[in-house]
Amino acid sequence: MVTTLDKDNLAISAIVTVGMQIFFFIIAAVGKFDKVTDLAGGANFVVLAVLSFFLSQYYHARQIAVTLMVGVWGTRLAAYCLYRIIKIGTDERFNGIRESLPKFAMFWLFQAVWVFSVSLSMLLVNSPRWGSPSNPVPEFGTVADIVGTIMWIVGFLIEAVADHQKFLFRMNPLNNGRFCDAGLWSWTRHPNYFGDILLWFGIFTIQTSIIDPRNPDHSWMWVGIISPLVTMLLLLFLSGMPKLERGSDEKYGDLPEYQDYKNSVSPLIPMPMAVYSRLPFPVKVCLFEFPMYDSRRIIKRRRTGL
């Protein structure tokens, strides 16, 4: 196992990831502020992309493309999150956490695991093994390359536009006390998450171009599916949508317009309100409208004491 890790530069990537997160954790813990949290995550992706690319020493077109994709995505994410937290001033996610060193440390450990696992598809594309004559790879431009690139472009644009639209909405004083339903947010309640999931499935799709199903030595490379799956599972079930849906229900659950919005707008996959609102609930569940995303009744009972 160690040989395999070293051969693909996974071990050095893991060490660099842990080192970066420890470094930023110390800064955040000593300073007791949130400014470097998301910066550390996005920057870590960029560092791993550049590091794995140059360690490969072959620089194939596919490696260049995937490195640029992750680099551009990570740079935008880090820059946007840093600018947003500077404007907002504090990150509510860490209320009750930053004061507890063990809890705060667990967050940073979790972030290290997140960065490494989601980077896996990119790291496998940038593996040095693909430059040797014993492991020839198709030229960049396969069907999987084209489909994956299109998925990444569409996903990246959706995520970036959605983030920008919501930021402008929040910065407008006229929108104080209102939920965001502008632009892409009228097509899905979480367009940025949809874009994030789509672009990482795109990178994994590109990675499948280098997997030869006839070669038994390549079978383990399907582990790259971890990248989009971890992204999807985190956003759907852990740190993403459940927390945001619960928070929105707390803030806006009594508003009739919010009730209409939640009942008419898809939780993840973009689609017209007129279409989604007419779908039967079993179909909505198949489109990720899980019961865990609706806490309005629980919140109402708690407030009324019933």
Protein backbone atom coordinates (compact mmCIF):
# COMPACT_ATOMS: atom_id res chain seq x y z
CA MET A 1 0.00 0.00 0.00
CA VAL A 2 2.80 2.42 0.86
CA THR A 3 4.41 1.69 -2.52
CA THR A 4 1.17 2.53 -4.30
CA LEU A 5 0.76 5.76 -2.37
CA ASP A 6 4.29 6.84 -3.13
CA LYS A 7 3.99 5.87 -6.79
CA ASP A 8 1.03 8.20 -7.28
CA ASN A 9 2.27 10.97 -4.95
CA LEU A 10 -0.75 10.44 -2.71
CA ALA A 11 1.35 10.22 0.45
CA ILE A 12 3.14 13.52 -0.15
CA SER A 13 -0.19 15.13 -1.05
CA ALA A 14 -1.72 13.92 2.22
CA ILE A 15 1.25 15.19 4.21
CA VAL A 16 1.11 18.61 2.54
CA THR A 17 -2.64 18.80 3.17
CA VAL A 18 -2.33 17.99 6.85
CA GLY A 19 0.60 20.40 7.18
CA MET A 20 -1.31 23.27 5.58
CA GLN A 21 -4.39 22.73 7.70
CA ILE A 22 -2.33 22.55 10.92
CA PHE A 23 -0.56 25.78 9.95
CA PHE A 24 -3.83 27.65 9.33
CA PHE A 25 -5.43 26.07 12.40
CA ILE A 26 -2.70 27.52 14.61
CA ILE A 27 -3.23 30.97 13.07
CA ALA A 28 -7.02 30.76 13.51
CA ALA A 29 -6.82 29.34 17.04
CA VAL A 30 -4.30 31.89 18.29
CA GLY A 31 -6.05 34.82 16.62
CA LYS A 32 -9.56 33.48 17.33
CA PHE A 33 -10.91 34.65 13.98
CA ASP A 34 -12.53 33.07 10.93
CA LYS A 35 -10.80 34.92 8.11
CA VAL A 36 -8.46 32.08 7.06
CA THR A 37 -10.81 29.09 7.30
CA ASP A 38 -12.22 28.90 3.77
CA LEU A 39 -9.06 30.48 2.38
CA ALA A 40 -7.12 27.50 3.75
CA GLY A 41 -9.48 25.04 2.07
CA GLY A 42 -9.46 26.65 -1.38
CA ALA A 43 -5.73 27.36 -1.30
CA ASN A 44 -5.01 23.75 -0.33
CA PHE A 45 -6.70 22.51 -3.51
CA VAL A 46 -4.58 24.88 -5.60
CA VAL A 47 -1.37 23.78 -3.88
CA LEU A 48 -2.17 20.10 -4.43
CA ALA A 49 -3.02 20.71 -8.10
CA VAL A 50 0.24 22.55 -8.79
CA LEU A 51 2.35 20.19 -6.66
CA SER A 52 1.01 16.98 -8.21
CA PHE A 53 1.31 18.44 -11.71
CA PHE A 54 5.00 19.29 -11.38
CA LEU A 55 5.81 16.08 -9.50
CA SER A 56 4.42 14.06 -12.41
CA GLN A 57 7.16 15.45 -14.72
CA TYR A 58 5.22 14.50 -17.88
CA TYR A 59 2.75 17.37 -18.33
CA HIS A 60 0.22 15.70 -20.62
CA ALA A 61 -2.61 17.83 -22.03
CA ARG A 62 -5.11 16.08 -19.75
CA GLN A 63 -2.97 16.85 -16.71
CA ILE A 64 -2.69 20.48 -17.77
CA ALA A 65 -6.46 20.73 -18.24
CA VAL A 66 -7.39 19.14 -14.91
CA THR A 67 -4.73 21.13 -13.03
CA LEU A 68 -6.11 24.35 -14.49
CA MET A 69 -9.67 23.32 -13.63
CA VAL A 70 -8.89 22.63 -9.99
CA GLY A 71 -6.58 25.65 -9.78
CA VAL A 72 -9.19 28.04 -11.16
CA TRP A 73 -11.95 26.55 -9.01
CA GLY A 74 -9.84 26.64 -5.83
CA THR A 75 -8.60 30.17 -6.46
CA ARG A 76 -12.12 31.49 -7.05
CA LEU A 77 -13.43 29.68 -3.97
CA ALA A 78 -10.65 30.97 -1.73
CA ALA A 79 -10.88 34.54 -3.04
CA TYR A 80 -14.67 34.68 -2.84
CA CYS A 81 -14.86 33.20 0.65
CA LEU A 82 -12.10 35.50 1.93
CA TYR A 83 -13.77 38.60 0.48
CA ARG A 84 -17.17 37.52 1.82
CA ILE A 85 -15.93 36.89 5.36
CA ILE A 86 -14.08 40.24 5.36
CA LYS A 87 -17.30 42.00 4.39
CA ILE A 88 -19.50 40.02 6.80
CA GLY A 89 -16.97 39.99 9.64
CA THR A 90 -17.69 36.62 11.25
CA ASP A 91 -18.65 33.09 10.26
CA GLU A 92 -21.74 31.85 12.10
CA ARG A 93 -20.69 28.24 11.49
CA PHE A 94 -18.12 28.58 14.26
CA ASN A 95 -20.38 30.02 16.93
CA GLY A 96 -19.86 27.77 19.94
CA ILE A 97 -16.92 26.02 18.25
CA ARG A 98 -14.08 28.52 18.05
CA GLU A 99 -14.16 28.88 21.85
CA SER A 100 -13.47 25.15 22.28
CA LEU A 101 -10.00 24.16 21.10
CA PRO A 102 -10.84 20.41 20.69
CA LYS A 103 -13.97 21.18 18.64
CA PHE A 104 -12.12 23.76 16.58
CA ALA A 105 -9.29 21.28 15.94
CA MET A 106 -11.80 18.64 14.81
CA PHE A 107 -13.14 21.04 12.20
CA TRP A 108 -9.66 21.55 10.76
CA LEU A 109 -9.00 17.80 10.77
CA PHE A 110 -12.27 17.32 8.93
CA GLN A 111 -11.25 19.98 6.42
CA ALA A 112 -7.96 18.17 5.74
CA VAL A 113 -9.85 14.93 5.05
CA TRP A 114 -12.27 16.83 2.81
CA VAL A 115 -9.51 18.46 0.75
CA PHE A 116 -7.56 15.25 0.22
CA SER A 117 -10.55 13.01 -0.58
CA VAL A 118 -12.14 15.48 -3.00
CA SER A 119 -8.76 16.03 -4.72
CA LEU A 120 -8.35 12.32 -5.39
CA SER A 121 -9.55 12.32 -9.02
CA MET A 122 -7.20 15.17 -9.86
CA LEU A 123 -4.28 13.52 -8.07
CA LEU A 124 -4.82 10.30 -10.02
CA VAL A 125 -4.86 12.17 -13.33
CA ASN A 126 -1.58 13.83 -12.33
CA SER A 127 0.01 10.56 -11.26
CA PRO A 128 3.56 9.99 -12.64
CA ARG A 129 2.57 6.47 -13.71
CA TRP A 130 0.93 7.78 -16.87
CA GLY A 131 4.19 8.95 -18.40
CA SER A 132 5.84 5.54 -18.54
CA PRO A 133 5.75 3.42 -21.73
CA SER A 134 4.09 0.62 -19.77
CA ASN A 135 1.10 2.84 -19.01
CA PRO A 136 0.19 4.70 -22.21
CA VAL A 137 -2.92 6.86 -22.02
CA PRO A 138 -5.24 8.11 -24.77
CA GLU A 139 -4.59 11.57 -26.13
CA PHE A 140 -6.69 14.28 -24.51
CA GLY A 141 -9.96 14.61 -26.43
CA THR A 142 -11.79 11.37 -25.72
CA VAL A 143 -15.56 11.38 -25.31
CA ALA A 144 -15.08 11.24 -21.53
CA ASP A 145 -12.69 14.21 -21.72
CA ILE A 146 -15.17 16.28 -23.71
CA VAL A 147 -18.18 15.37 -21.57
CA GLY A 148 -16.24 15.92 -18.35
CA THR A 149 -14.93 19.30 -19.53
CA ILE A 150 -18.44 20.46 -20.44
CA MET A 151 -19.71 19.30 -17.03
CA TRP A 152 -16.92 21.22 -15.31
CA ILE A 153 -17.54 24.43 -17.29
CA VAL A 154 -21.29 24.35 -16.67
CA GLY A 155 -20.84 23.48 -12.99
CA PHE A 156 -18.20 26.14 -12.44
CA LEU A 157 -20.30 28.85 -14.08
CA ILE A 158 -23.40 27.89 -12.09
CA GLU A 159 -21.48 27.90 -8.81
CA ALA A 160 -19.71 31.20 -9.50
CA VAL A 161 -22.83 33.00 -10.76
CA ALA A 162 -24.94 31.69 -7.87
CA ASP A 163 -22.39 32.82 -5.28
CA HIS A 164 -22.19 36.26 -6.89
CA GLN A 165 -25.97 36.64 -7.08
CA LYS A 166 -26.45 35.70 -3.44
CA PHE A 167 -23.63 37.97 -2.29
CA LEU A 168 -25.13 40.96 -4.12
CA PHE A 169 -28.54 40.09 -2.69
CA ARG A 170 -27.18 39.98 0.86
CA MET A 171 -25.26 43.24 0.45
CA ASN A 172 -28.38 45.14 -0.61
CA PRO A 173 -29.93 46.77 2.50
CA LEU A 174 -33.36 46.52 0.88
CA ASN A 175 -33.14 42.74 1.21
CA ASN A 176 -32.64 42.67 4.98
CA GLY A 177 -34.88 39.98 6.45
CA ARG A 178 -35.57 38.43 3.06
CA PHE A 179 -34.51 35.04 1.71
CA CYS A 180 -32.61 34.91 -1.58
CA ASP A 181 -34.79 33.96 -4.55
CA ALA A 182 -32.96 35.98 -7.21
CA GLY A 183 -31.56 34.60 -10.47
CA LEU A 184 -30.47 30.99 -10.23
CA TRP A 185 -31.92 30.83 -6.72
CA SER A 186 -35.39 30.86 -8.28
CA TRP A 187 -34.53 27.62 -10.11
CA THR A 188 -33.01 25.74 -7.20
CA ARG A 189 -32.62 26.46 -3.50
CA HIS A 190 -28.91 25.54 -3.67
CA PRO A 191 -27.54 26.33 -7.16
CA ASN A 192 -23.98 26.74 -5.88
CA TYR A 193 -24.05 23.22 -4.45
CA PHE A 194 -25.42 21.80 -7.70
CA GLY A 195 -22.58 23.47 -9.60
CA ASP A 196 -19.99 22.16 -7.14
CA ILE A 197 -21.25 18.58 -7.41
CA LEU A 198 -21.48 18.78 -11.21
CA LEU A 199 -17.94 20.07 -11.73
CA TRP A 200 -16.38 17.37 -9.53
CA PHE A 201 -18.31 14.69 -11.39
CA GLY A 202 -16.87 16.32 -14.51
CA ILE A 203 -13.30 15.92 -13.25
CA PHE A 204 -13.96 12.29 -12.35
CA THR A 205 -15.43 11.74 -15.83
CA ILE A 206 -12.18 13.05 -17.32
CA GLN A 207 -10.24 10.71 -15.05
CA THR A 208 -12.09 7.69 -16.48
CA SER A 209 -10.29 8.33 -19.78
CA ILE A 210 -7.09 6.94 -18.29
CA ILE A 211 -8.70 3.79 -16.85
CA ASP A 212 -8.37 0.77 -19.10
CA PRO A 213 -11.09 -1.73 -18.07
CA ARG A 214 -9.09 -4.53 -19.71
CA ASN A 215 -6.11 -3.87 -17.46
CA PRO A 216 -6.56 -5.40 -13.97
CA ASP A 217 -3.90 -3.04 -12.62
CA HIS A 218 -6.26 -0.15 -13.37
CA SER A 219 -9.25 -1.47 -11.44
CA TRP A 220 -8.31 0.33 -8.22
CA MET A 221 -8.29 3.66 -10.07
CA TRP A 222 -12.09 3.75 -9.84
CA VAL A 223 -11.47 4.93 -6.29
CA GLY A 224 -11.45 8.39 -7.90
CA ILE A 225 -15.25 8.33 -7.67
CA ILE A 226 -14.67 9.28 -4.03
CA SER A 227 -14.06 12.88 -5.17
CA PRO A 228 -17.58 13.69 -6.40
CA LEU A 229 -19.28 11.30 -3.98
CA VAL A 230 -17.70 12.93 -0.91
CA THR A 231 -18.70 16.33 -2.29
CA MET A 232 -22.25 15.13 -2.85
CA LEU A 233 -22.61 13.38 0.51
CA LEU A 234 -21.24 16.34 2.47
CA LEU A 235 -23.51 18.83 0.76
CA LEU A 236 -26.64 16.67 0.78
CA PHE A 237 -26.42 15.09 4.22
CA LEU A 238 -23.86 16.75 6.49
CA SER A 239 -22.45 20.27 6.43
CA GLY A 240 -24.41 21.67 3.50
CA MET A 241 -28.10 21.53 2.76
CA PRO A 242 -29.48 20.13 6.06
CA LYS A 243 -27.94 22.97 8.08
CA LEU A 244 -28.91 25.70 5.62
CA GLU A 245 -32.46 24.40 5.18
CA ARG A 246 -32.92 24.27 8.95
CA GLY A 247 -31.55 27.79 9.32
CA SER A 248 -33.86 29.14 6.61
CA ASP A 249 -36.86 27.43 8.20
CA GLU A 250 -35.95 29.08 11.51
CA LYS A 251 -35.67 32.55 9.96
CA TYR A 252 -38.40 32.57 7.34
CA GLY A 253 -40.67 29.61 8.12
CA ASP A 254 -43.60 31.84 9.12
CA LEU A 255 -43.56 33.84 5.89
CA PRO A 256 -46.20 32.78 3.29
CA GLU A 257 -43.87 33.70 0.44
CA TYR A 258 -41.18 31.43 1.90
CA GLN A 259 -43.69 28.59 2.17
CA ASP A 260 -44.48 29.04 -1.53
CA TYR A 261 -40.81 29.24 -2.40
CA LYS A 262 -39.89 26.05 -0.55
CA ASN A 263 -42.83 24.13 -2.00
CA SER A 264 -42.20 25.31 -5.55
CA VAL A 265 -38.41 25.40 -5.97
CA SER A 266 -36.23 22.32 -6.41
CA PRO A 267 -33.74 21.72 -3.57
CA LEU A 268 -30.80 20.95 -5.88
CA ILE A 269 -31.40 20.27 -9.59
CA PRO A 270 -32.35 23.46 -11.45
CA MET A 271 -35.81 23.43 -13.02
CA PRO A 272 -38.69 25.87 -13.58
CA MET A 273 -40.94 26.44 -10.58
CA ALA A 274 -43.97 25.70 -12.71
CA VAL A 275 -42.64 22.21 -13.38
CA TYR A 276 -41.34 21.33 -9.92
CA SER A 277 -44.37 22.58 -8.02
CA ARG A 278 -46.62 20.16 -9.94
CA LEU A 279 -44.54 17.07 -9.28
CA PRO A 280 -45.90 14.46 -6.82
CA PHE A 281 -43.93 14.14 -3.59
CA PRO A 282 -42.43 10.68 -4.40
CA VAL A 283 -40.91 12.17 -7.55
CA LYS A 284 -39.61 15.14 -5.56
CA VAL A 285 -37.89 12.74 -3.15
CA CYS A 286 -36.09 11.21 -6.14
CA LEU A 287 -34.93 14.75 -6.91
CA PHE A 288 -33.38 15.06 -3.43
CA GLU A 289 -36.36 16.63 -1.62
CA PHE A 290 -35.66 14.64 1.52
CA PRO A 291 -37.86 14.97 4.62
CA MET A 292 -34.81 16.05 6.64
CA TYR A 293 -34.85 19.34 4.72
CA ASP A 294 -38.24 20.35 6.12
CA SER A 295 -38.19 21.26 9.79
CA ARG A 296 -41.01 23.81 9.64
CA ARG A 297 -43.48 21.71 11.62
CA ILE A 298 -40.93 20.88 14.32
CA ILE A 299 -39.97 24.54 14.66
CA LYS A 300 -43.62 25.60 14.79
CA ARG A 301 -44.39 23.07 17.56
CA ARG A 302 -41.37 24.25 19.54
CA ARG A 303 -42.41 27.88 19.27
CA THR A 304 -46.04 27.23 20.19
CA GLY A 305 -45.18 24.69 22.88
CA LEU A 306 -47.51 22.09 21.33
